[in-house]
Amino acid sequence: MSHSAQIFRAGFLIAALTLLSACSEIKYGLYDLAMDFERSQAGVTPKSLETQGRHFAYLENQAPPDAETILLLHGFGASKENWLRFMRHLPSRYHIVALDLLGHGDSSKDTSIPYDIDDQVGYVRAFTEAAGLSRFHLMGNSMGGAISSMYAAEYPDSVASLVLMDPAGVYDYSSELETRLQKGENPLIVRKPEDFDALMEFAMEDKPFIPWPIKSVLTEKAIANTGIYDHIFAELVRERHRYDFKQVLLDIRSPTLVLWGKEDRVINYRNAEVFTRQIANSRKMIIDGVGHAPMIEAPEETAEITLVFMRLLEAEKD
């Protein structure tokens, strides 16, 4: 290769890398703008706190000092941002907190600590104590639903009501996920770019539109978290646990709503029957045309169902 050709090639590579870097900066800039807009629409701001040597990130709105609190826990491989569209439809009279569970979002990611459900209950408890949340309405999706269930069982005086959206923990009725796992596939973990679209198709029946720059950043973030997600998932599906989850459900005293998308391929919606059978003061609602994430797929309808449930509880008190 001639000297001039080498110079041309080097220049081309430098230009290409500069362009890619600029595109990446633009892409992430657009992502940040989109998230800022979504947070403003939901009336929340990002916050964080440190406790027990761990960093917890969360979203919080401004509410009256005497407002009742709603604490939101997302599912495996997700983040606090999964609740943004749902939070838009909650009245501002509530104090709303959406937490990034450890190992997720902007919270600490540590592969040296355990992440079984009872461990995660302990981490959430550390957060609620540090944040001064003594009593609240607790809502959780998927893994967050299992954590919420055990939290309500262990700390009954802290949980005014419980809403479980497609909760994990009970698998009496099999799902497509279990079939895929038996084949050595895990559609919940993104390892390469095309896996992100496959995950959206698998997890949700009524998928929201995600513009390219946003989807690209979400894909990159998911791939970057493969290591921690592998670790957490292995903890969740191991054969031996320190608890009997269905026995835990018997200890829940909080009024409970079990809300499930009928087209859920991750966890079979018929497992709602087990939750309502085990939890004394509970009722269920199955939503047609919705998959594993009702708060994303049908945020307004899901919020309305939740608010009706809470209004019924208030009426029962009166």
Protein backbone atom coordinates (compact mmCIF):
# COMPACT_ATOMS: atom_id res chain seq x y z
CA MET A 1 0.00 0.00 0.00
CA SER A 2 1.39 3.41 -1.00
CA HIS A 3 2.05 6.14 1.57
CA SER A 4 -0.77 8.29 0.18
CA ALA A 5 -3.18 5.35 0.31
CA GLN A 6 -2.25 4.74 3.94
CA ILE A 7 -2.89 8.39 4.75
CA PHE A 8 -6.26 8.23 2.97
CA ARG A 9 -7.24 5.06 4.82
CA ALA A 10 -6.24 6.52 8.18
CA GLY A 11 -8.17 9.69 7.42
CA PHE A 12 -11.22 7.71 6.38
CA LEU A 13 -11.14 5.68 9.60
CA ILE A 14 -10.77 8.80 11.72
CA ALA A 15 -13.70 10.44 9.92
CA ALA A 16 -15.83 7.33 10.30
CA LEU A 17 -15.07 7.05 14.01
CA THR A 18 -15.79 10.75 14.50
CA LEU A 19 -19.11 10.38 12.70
CA LEU A 20 -20.05 7.32 14.76
CA SER A 21 -19.12 9.14 17.96
CA ALA A 22 -21.20 12.14 16.93
CA CYS A 23 -24.15 9.87 16.05
CA SER A 24 -23.84 8.17 19.43
CA GLU A 25 -23.79 11.51 21.23
CA ILE A 26 -26.84 12.67 19.27
CA LYS A 27 -28.63 9.39 19.94
CA TYR A 28 -28.01 9.56 23.68
CA GLY A 29 -28.89 13.24 23.70
CA LEU A 30 -32.25 12.45 22.09
CA TYR A 31 -32.78 9.64 24.59
CA ASP A 32 -32.14 12.02 27.50
CA LEU A 33 -34.55 14.58 26.02
CA ALA A 34 -37.23 11.92 25.57
CA MET A 35 -36.82 10.71 29.16
CA ASP A 36 -36.96 14.28 30.45
CA PHE A 37 -40.21 14.77 28.54
CA GLU A 38 -41.72 11.51 29.85
CA ARG A 39 -40.78 12.40 33.41
CA SER A 40 -42.25 15.90 33.08
CA GLN A 41 -45.50 14.42 31.73
CA ALA A 42 -45.64 12.07 34.72
CA GLY A 43 -44.76 14.89 37.12
CA VAL A 44 -41.72 13.11 38.59
CA THR A 45 -38.04 13.86 38.96
CA PRO A 46 -35.06 11.49 39.32
CA LYS A 47 -33.56 11.19 42.79
CA SER A 48 -31.19 8.88 44.61
CA LEU A 49 -30.01 7.93 48.07
CA GLU A 50 -27.20 5.89 49.61
CA THR A 51 -27.78 3.38 52.37
CA GLN A 52 -25.90 0.33 53.62
CA GLY A 53 -23.19 1.07 51.04
CA ARG A 54 -25.61 0.81 48.12
CA HIS A 55 -26.94 3.36 45.65
CA PHE A 56 -30.69 3.48 45.06
CA ALA A 57 -32.15 5.50 42.18
CA TYR A 58 -35.83 6.40 42.07
CA LEU A 59 -38.45 8.71 40.61
CA GLU A 60 -40.61 10.85 42.88
CA ASN A 61 -43.33 13.44 42.46
CA GLN A 62 -44.15 16.47 44.57
CA ALA A 63 -47.15 15.83 46.79
CA PRO A 64 -48.74 17.30 49.91
CA PRO A 65 -46.94 16.36 53.16
CA ASP A 66 -49.87 14.22 54.31
CA ALA A 67 -50.31 12.41 50.97
CA GLU A 68 -50.57 8.63 50.89
CA THR A 69 -47.58 7.00 49.21
CA ILE A 70 -47.61 4.57 46.28
CA LEU A 71 -44.38 2.59 45.87
CA LEU A 72 -43.82 0.97 42.46
CA LEU A 73 -41.49 -2.01 41.85
CA HIS A 74 -40.62 -3.05 38.28
CA GLY A 75 -39.83 -6.52 36.98
CA PHE A 76 -36.71 -8.42 35.93
CA GLY A 77 -34.52 -6.62 33.39
CA ALA A 78 -36.69 -3.50 33.61
CA SER A 79 -36.39 -0.13 35.37
CA LYS A 80 -38.31 2.61 37.14
CA GLU A 81 -39.04 4.19 33.72
CA ASN A 82 -41.45 1.33 32.97
CA TRP A 83 -43.97 3.12 35.19
CA LEU A 84 -43.83 6.56 33.55
CA ARG A 85 -46.91 6.25 31.32
CA PHE A 86 -48.84 4.59 34.17
CA MET A 87 -47.92 7.39 36.60
CA ARG A 88 -49.40 9.98 34.26
CA HIS A 89 -52.85 8.66 35.17
CA LEU A 90 -52.42 8.65 38.96
CA PRO A 91 -53.87 11.64 40.85
CA SER A 92 -51.34 14.19 42.07
CA ARG A 93 -52.77 13.84 45.57
CA TYR A 94 -50.68 10.68 45.92
CA HIS A 95 -46.99 10.67 46.78
CA ILE A 96 -45.53 8.40 44.08
CA VAL A 97 -42.15 6.67 44.23
CA ALA A 98 -40.83 4.34 41.49
CA LEU A 99 -37.67 2.51 42.53
CA ASP A 100 -34.85 1.01 40.47
CA LEU A 101 -34.33 -2.35 42.17
CA LEU A 102 -30.71 -3.26 42.86
CA GLY A 103 -29.03 -4.64 39.75
CA HIS A 104 -31.31 -2.56 37.52
CA GLY A 105 -31.58 0.91 36.03
CA ASP A 106 -29.40 3.47 37.79
CA SER A 107 -29.17 1.62 41.11
CA SER A 108 -26.08 -0.32 42.23
CA LYS A 109 -25.17 -3.38 40.15
CA ASP A 110 -23.16 -5.88 42.16
CA THR A 111 -22.74 -9.50 41.07
CA SER A 112 -21.22 -10.43 44.44
CA ILE A 113 -24.52 -10.15 46.35
CA PRO A 114 -27.57 -12.49 46.26
CA TYR A 115 -30.76 -11.55 44.43
CA ASP A 116 -33.29 -14.18 45.48
CA ILE A 117 -36.73 -12.74 46.28
CA ASP A 118 -36.17 -12.66 50.04
CA ASP A 119 -32.81 -10.94 49.53
CA GLN A 120 -34.45 -8.29 47.36
CA VAL A 121 -37.14 -7.74 49.99
CA GLY A 122 -34.31 -6.86 52.37
CA TYR A 123 -32.86 -4.37 49.90
CA VAL A 124 -36.27 -2.73 49.35
CA ARG A 125 -36.72 -2.53 53.12
CA ALA A 126 -33.37 -0.76 53.44
CA PHE A 127 -34.55 1.76 50.84
CA THR A 128 -37.96 2.40 52.41
CA GLU A 129 -36.40 2.97 55.82
CA ALA A 130 -33.78 5.34 54.40
CA ALA A 131 -36.45 7.19 52.40
CA GLY A 132 -38.74 7.50 55.42
CA LEU A 133 -41.55 5.44 53.87
CA SER A 134 -43.28 3.85 56.85
CA ARG A 135 -46.64 2.93 55.27
CA PHE A 136 -47.63 2.87 51.61
CA HIS A 137 -49.62 1.24 48.83
CA LEU A 138 -47.30 -1.27 47.17
CA MET A 139 -47.54 -2.17 43.47
CA GLY A 140 -45.24 -4.57 41.65
CA ASN A 141 -44.95 -6.14 38.22
CA SER A 142 -43.48 -9.59 37.50
CA MET A 143 -40.41 -10.06 39.73
CA GLY A 144 -41.44 -6.82 41.43
CA GLY A 145 -44.80 -8.48 42.14
CA ALA A 146 -43.09 -11.40 43.88
CA ILE A 147 -40.97 -8.97 45.92
CA SER A 148 -44.08 -6.95 46.78
CA SER A 149 -45.92 -10.09 47.91
CA MET A 150 -43.14 -11.16 50.26
CA TYR A 151 -42.67 -7.60 51.50
CA ALA A 152 -46.37 -7.39 52.42
CA ALA A 153 -46.16 -10.74 54.20
CA GLU A 154 -43.06 -9.76 56.20
CA TYR A 155 -44.04 -6.17 56.97
CA PRO A 156 -47.86 -6.15 57.16
CA ASP A 157 -48.03 -2.86 59.06
CA SER A 158 -46.17 -1.10 56.24
CA VAL A 159 -48.43 -2.08 53.33
CA ALA A 160 -51.82 -0.36 53.17
CA SER A 161 -52.78 -2.22 49.99
CA LEU A 162 -51.12 -4.48 47.45
CA VAL A 163 -51.45 -4.52 43.65
CA LEU A 164 -49.75 -7.40 41.84
CA MET A 165 -49.43 -7.07 38.06
CA ASP A 166 -48.55 -10.37 36.35
CA PRO A 167 -46.55 -11.34 39.45
CA ALA A 168 -43.79 -13.92 39.51
CA GLY A 169 -43.46 -16.58 42.20
CA VAL A 170 -46.23 -19.06 41.29
CA TYR A 171 -45.96 -21.33 38.26
CA ASP A 172 -48.70 -23.95 38.71
CA TYR A 173 -49.79 -23.24 35.14
CA SER A 174 -46.97 -23.40 32.60
CA SER A 175 -46.06 -20.65 30.16
CA GLU A 176 -44.22 -20.22 26.89
CA LEU A 177 -41.23 -18.90 28.83
CA GLU A 178 -40.86 -22.19 30.67
CA THR A 179 -40.93 -24.05 27.35
CA ARG A 180 -38.24 -21.75 25.95
CA LEU A 181 -36.07 -22.11 29.05
CA GLN A 182 -36.25 -25.89 28.79
CA LYS A 183 -34.82 -25.55 25.27
CA GLY A 184 -31.92 -23.51 26.62
CA GLU A 185 -33.33 -20.17 25.44
CA ASN A 186 -33.99 -17.12 27.59
CA PRO A 187 -35.92 -14.45 25.68
CA LEU A 188 -35.79 -12.11 28.69
CA ILE A 189 -32.06 -11.40 28.37
CA VAL A 190 -30.76 -9.30 25.47
CA ARG A 191 -27.35 -10.44 24.20
CA LYS A 192 -27.34 -8.97 20.69
CA PRO A 193 -29.27 -6.11 19.02
CA GLU A 194 -31.96 -8.25 17.41
CA ASP A 195 -32.80 -9.76 20.81
CA PHE A 196 -34.35 -6.49 21.96
CA ASP A 197 -37.12 -6.58 19.34
CA ALA A 198 -37.65 -10.27 20.10
CA LEU A 199 -38.01 -9.45 23.80
CA MET A 200 -40.62 -6.77 23.10
CA GLU A 201 -42.56 -9.19 20.91
CA PHE A 202 -42.40 -11.89 23.54
CA ALA A 203 -43.16 -9.86 26.66
CA MET A 204 -45.90 -7.60 25.33
CA GLU A 205 -49.02 -8.20 23.29
CA ASP A 206 -49.79 -4.50 22.74
CA LYS A 207 -46.35 -2.96 22.26
CA PRO A 208 -45.85 0.81 22.44
CA PHE A 209 -44.08 2.54 19.56
CA ILE A 210 -40.43 3.24 20.42
CA PRO A 211 -38.59 5.64 18.06
CA TRP A 212 -35.25 4.43 16.67
CA PRO A 213 -32.88 6.57 18.80
CA ILE A 214 -34.67 5.53 22.00
CA LYS A 215 -34.83 1.86 21.06
CA SER A 216 -31.17 1.87 20.08
CA VAL A 217 -30.11 3.25 23.47
CA LEU A 218 -32.39 0.84 25.34
CA THR A 219 -30.87 -2.02 23.35
CA GLU A 220 -27.33 -0.95 24.19
CA LYS A 221 -28.20 -0.60 27.87
CA ALA A 222 -29.79 -4.06 27.93
CA ILE A 223 -26.75 -5.66 26.29
CA ALA A 224 -24.42 -3.89 28.74
CA ASN A 225 -26.40 -5.41 31.63
CA THR A 226 -26.23 -9.01 30.39
CA GLY A 227 -23.78 -10.05 33.11
CA ILE A 228 -25.83 -8.75 36.04
CA TYR A 229 -29.08 -10.06 34.52
CA ASP A 230 -27.57 -13.53 34.10
CA HIS A 231 -26.58 -13.46 37.76
CA ILE A 232 -30.00 -12.30 38.99
CA PHE A 233 -31.92 -14.76 36.81
CA ALA A 234 -29.80 -17.67 38.04
CA GLU A 235 -30.67 -16.67 41.60
CA LEU A 236 -34.38 -16.54 40.80
CA VAL A 237 -34.62 -19.96 39.12
CA ARG A 238 -32.29 -21.99 41.34
CA GLU A 239 -33.88 -25.13 42.78
CA ARG A 240 -33.41 -24.38 46.47
CA HIS A 241 -34.79 -21.29 48.21
CA ARG A 242 -35.05 -20.32 51.86
CA TYR A 243 -38.82 -19.91 51.57
CA ASP A 244 -41.98 -21.55 50.26
CA PHE A 245 -43.50 -18.79 48.14
CA LYS A 246 -47.06 -20.09 48.20
CA GLN A 247 -46.81 -20.40 51.98
CA VAL A 248 -45.64 -16.78 52.10
CA LEU A 249 -48.82 -15.69 50.32
CA LEU A 250 -50.90 -17.08 53.20
CA ASP A 251 -49.33 -14.49 55.49
CA ILE A 252 -50.45 -11.47 53.45
CA ARG A 253 -53.08 -9.40 55.28
CA SER A 254 -53.15 -6.33 53.04
CA PRO A 255 -56.15 -5.92 50.71
CA THR A 256 -54.82 -7.22 47.39
CA LEU A 257 -55.63 -6.83 43.71
CA VAL A 258 -54.15 -9.39 41.32
CA LEU A 259 -54.19 -7.86 37.84
CA TRP A 260 -53.03 -9.90 34.84
CA GLY A 261 -52.74 -9.58 31.07
CA LYS A 262 -54.49 -12.57 29.51
CA GLU A 263 -51.94 -12.85 26.68
CA ASP A 264 -48.98 -13.08 29.07
CA ARG A 265 -46.37 -15.45 27.60
CA VAL A 266 -43.91 -14.98 30.46
CA ILE A 267 -46.16 -16.22 33.29
CA ASN A 268 -49.53 -17.88 32.61
CA TYR A 269 -52.42 -15.64 33.66
CA ARG A 270 -54.22 -18.64 35.20
CA ASN A 271 -51.75 -18.46 38.08
CA ALA A 272 -53.87 -15.53 39.28
CA GLU A 273 -56.22 -18.19 40.66
CA VAL A 274 -53.46 -19.42 42.97
CA PHE A 275 -52.65 -15.93 44.25
CA THR A 276 -56.28 -15.15 45.05
CA ARG A 277 -56.77 -18.55 46.67
CA GLN A 278 -53.73 -18.09 48.92
CA ILE A 279 -54.25 -14.40 49.80
CA ALA A 280 -57.22 -13.99 52.11
CA ASN A 281 -58.42 -10.50 51.23
CA SER A 282 -57.84 -10.50 47.47
CA ARG A 283 -59.57 -10.14 44.15
CA LYS A 284 -58.44 -10.53 40.56
CA MET A 285 -58.85 -8.75 37.23
CA ILE A 286 -57.81 -10.24 33.88
CA ILE A 287 -57.26 -7.81 30.99
CA ASP A 288 -57.84 -9.06 27.43
CA GLY A 289 -55.36 -8.11 24.71
CA VAL A 290 -52.53 -7.38 27.14
CA GLY A 291 -49.33 -9.31 27.84
CA HIS A 292 -46.83 -9.24 30.69
CA ALA A 293 -46.64 -5.48 31.29
CA PRO A 294 -50.12 -3.92 31.73
CA MET A 295 -48.70 -0.61 33.00
CA ILE A 296 -46.83 -0.18 29.69
CA GLU A 297 -49.29 -1.76 27.26
CA ALA A 298 -52.49 -0.27 28.70
CA PRO A 299 -51.36 2.41 31.18
CA GLU A 300 -54.62 4.35 31.40
CA GLU A 301 -56.82 1.27 31.78
CA THR A 302 -54.43 -0.27 34.30
CA ALA A 303 -54.32 2.94 36.34
CA GLU A 304 -58.12 3.20 36.32
CA ILE A 305 -58.54 -0.39 37.51
CA THR A 306 -56.01 0.26 40.26
CA LEU A 307 -57.72 3.49 41.34
CA VAL A 308 -61.15 1.85 41.42
CA PHE A 309 -59.68 -0.80 43.72
CA MET A 310 -58.22 1.87 46.00
CA ARG A 311 -61.49 3.83 46.04
CA LEU A 312 -63.34 0.68 47.06
CA LEU A 313 -60.93 0.26 49.96
CA GLU A 314 -61.53 3.85 51.02
CA ALA A 315 -65.31 3.31 50.85
CA GLU A 316 -65.00 0.17 52.97
CA LYS A 317 -63.15 2.16 55.63
CA ASP A 318 -65.99 4.70 55.77
